[in-house]
Amino acid sequence: MILRNKKGQERNFKILYKIEHNEEIYIVYEDYISSRFYVGLKKDNKLININEEETNFINSILKGVNGE
């Protein structure tokens, strides 16, 4: 999937999870270039950084998926 970051740069990402909560869509993805994993909030086909509360929420979901 190709998404645009807040600087307007388009990047190709491997989507790992799409989490919908309270009409928001969070994307857990792997960056092909760095092989690192990230989470962003998808709005208007752009990825936006998430705050600490949202990070904790996503982490709790991912721990549940991993059986922790």
C-alpha atoms as a PDB file:
ATOM      1  CA  MET A   1       0.000   0.000   0.000  1.00  0.00           C
ATOM      2  CA  ILE A   2       1.214   3.488  -0.752  1.00  0.00           C
ATOM      3  CA  LEU A   3       0.446   6.253   1.760  1.00  0.00           C
ATOM      4  CA  ARG A   4       1.583   9.838   2.129  1.00  0.00           C
ATOM      5  CA  ASN A   5       3.193  11.069   5.353  1.00  0.00           C
ATOM      6  CA  LYS A   6       2.651  14.502   6.931  1.00  0.00           C
ATOM      7  CA  LYS A   7       5.495  15.931   4.814  1.00  0.00           C
ATOM      8  CA  GLY A   8       3.698  14.848   1.652  1.00  0.00           C
ATOM      9  CA  GLN A   9       6.195  12.102   0.784  1.00  0.00           C
ATOM     10  CA  GLU A  10       4.721   8.907  -0.594  1.00  0.00           C
ATOM     11  CA  ARG A  11       6.042   5.629   0.770  1.00  0.00           C
ATOM     12  CA  ASN A  12       5.282   1.995   0.090  1.00  0.00           C
ATOM     13  CA  PHE A  13       4.365   0.041   3.237  1.00  0.00           C
ATOM     14  CA  LYS A  14       3.508  -3.529   4.089  1.00  0.00           C
ATOM     15  CA  ILE A  15       0.266  -3.355   6.062  1.00  0.00           C
ATOM     16  CA  LEU A  16       0.289  -5.783   8.993  1.00  0.00           C
ATOM     17  CA  TYR A  17      -2.922  -4.776  10.797  1.00  0.00           C
ATOM     18  CA  LYS A  18      -5.773  -2.383  10.230  1.00  0.00           C
ATOM     19  CA  ILE A  19      -7.553  -1.498  13.489  1.00  0.00           C
ATOM     20  CA  GLU A  20     -10.836   0.403  13.424  1.00  0.00           C
ATOM     21  CA  HIS A  21     -11.902   2.055  16.685  1.00  0.00           C
ATOM     22  CA  ASN A  22     -14.306   4.960  17.295  1.00  0.00           C
ATOM     23  CA  GLU A  23     -14.481   5.729  13.567  1.00  0.00           C
ATOM     24  CA  GLU A  24     -10.671   6.046  13.455  1.00  0.00           C
ATOM     25  CA  ILE A  25      -8.448   3.748  11.412  1.00  0.00           C
ATOM     26  CA  TYR A  26      -5.049   2.803  12.808  1.00  0.00           C
ATOM     27  CA  ILE A  27      -2.527   1.150  10.529  1.00  0.00           C
ATOM     28  CA  VAL A  28       0.255  -1.086  11.867  1.00  0.00           C
ATOM     29  CA  TYR A  29       2.804  -1.353   9.099  1.00  0.00           C
ATOM     30  CA  GLU A  30       6.340  -2.359   8.202  1.00  0.00           C
ATOM     31  CA  ASP A  31       8.525   0.108   6.359  1.00  0.00           C
ATOM     32  CA  TYR A  32      10.185  -1.723   3.440  1.00  0.00           C
ATOM     33  CA  ILE A  33      13.237   0.543   3.562  1.00  0.00           C
ATOM     34  CA  SER A  34      14.084   0.267   7.266  1.00  0.00           C
ATOM     35  CA  SER A  35      12.320  -3.066   8.058  1.00  0.00           C
ATOM     36  CA  ARG A  36      10.919  -1.368  11.183  1.00  0.00           C
ATOM     37  CA  PHE A  37       7.343  -1.489  12.437  1.00  0.00           C
ATOM     38  CA  TYR A  38       5.209   1.616  12.986  1.00  0.00           C
ATOM     39  CA  VAL A  39       1.653   2.662  13.783  1.00  0.00           C
ATOM     40  CA  GLY A  40      -0.134   5.613  12.286  1.00  0.00           C
ATOM     41  CA  LEU A  41      -3.611   7.072  12.195  1.00  0.00           C
ATOM     42  CA  LYS A  42      -4.991   7.105   8.654  1.00  0.00           C
ATOM     43  CA  LYS A  43      -6.801  10.312   7.691  1.00  0.00           C
ATOM     44  CA  ASP A  44      -7.417  11.444   4.111  1.00  0.00           C
ATOM     45  CA  ASN A  45      -4.960   8.817   2.807  1.00  0.00           C
ATOM     46  CA  LYS A  46      -2.208  10.250   5.045  1.00  0.00           C
ATOM     47  CA  LEU A  47      -0.529   8.725   8.084  1.00  0.00           C
ATOM     48  CA  ILE A  48      -0.562  10.865  11.198  1.00  0.00           C
ATOM     49  CA  ASN A  49       1.475  10.261  14.352  1.00  0.00           C
ATOM     50  CA  ILE A  50      -0.458   8.928  17.316  1.00  0.00           C
ATOM     51  CA  ASN A  51      -0.280  10.135  20.900  1.00  0.00           C
ATOM     52  CA  GLU A  52       0.769   8.153  23.985  1.00  0.00           C
ATOM     53  CA  GLU A  53      -2.800   7.141  24.875  1.00  0.00           C
ATOM     54  CA  GLU A  54      -3.382   5.781  21.375  1.00  0.00           C
ATOM     55  CA  THR A  55      -0.012   4.003  21.471  1.00  0.00           C
ATOM     56  CA  ASN A  56      -0.977   2.259  24.720  1.00  0.00           C
ATOM     57  CA  PHE A  57      -4.341   1.270  23.215  1.00  0.00           C
ATOM     58  CA  ILE A  58      -2.722  -0.245  20.104  1.00  0.00           C
ATOM     59  CA  ASN A  59      -0.091  -2.028  22.208  1.00  0.00           C
ATOM     60  CA  SER A  60      -2.813  -3.634  24.333  1.00  0.00           C
ATOM     61  CA  ILE A  61      -4.564  -4.899  21.203  1.00  0.00           C
ATOM     62  CA  LEU A  62      -1.338  -6.282  19.739  1.00  0.00           C
ATOM     63  CA  LYS A  63      -0.502  -8.039  23.018  1.00  0.00           C
ATOM     64  CA  GLY A  64      -3.923  -9.696  22.860  1.00  0.00           C
ATOM     65  CA  VAL A  65      -3.323 -10.817  19.291  1.00  0.00           C
ATOM     66  CA  ASN A  66       0.028 -12.312  20.342  1.00  0.00           C
ATOM     67  CA  GLY A  67      -1.592 -14.115  23.297  1.00  0.00           C
ATOM     68  CA  GLU A  68       0.210 -12.148  26.000  1.00  0.00           C
END
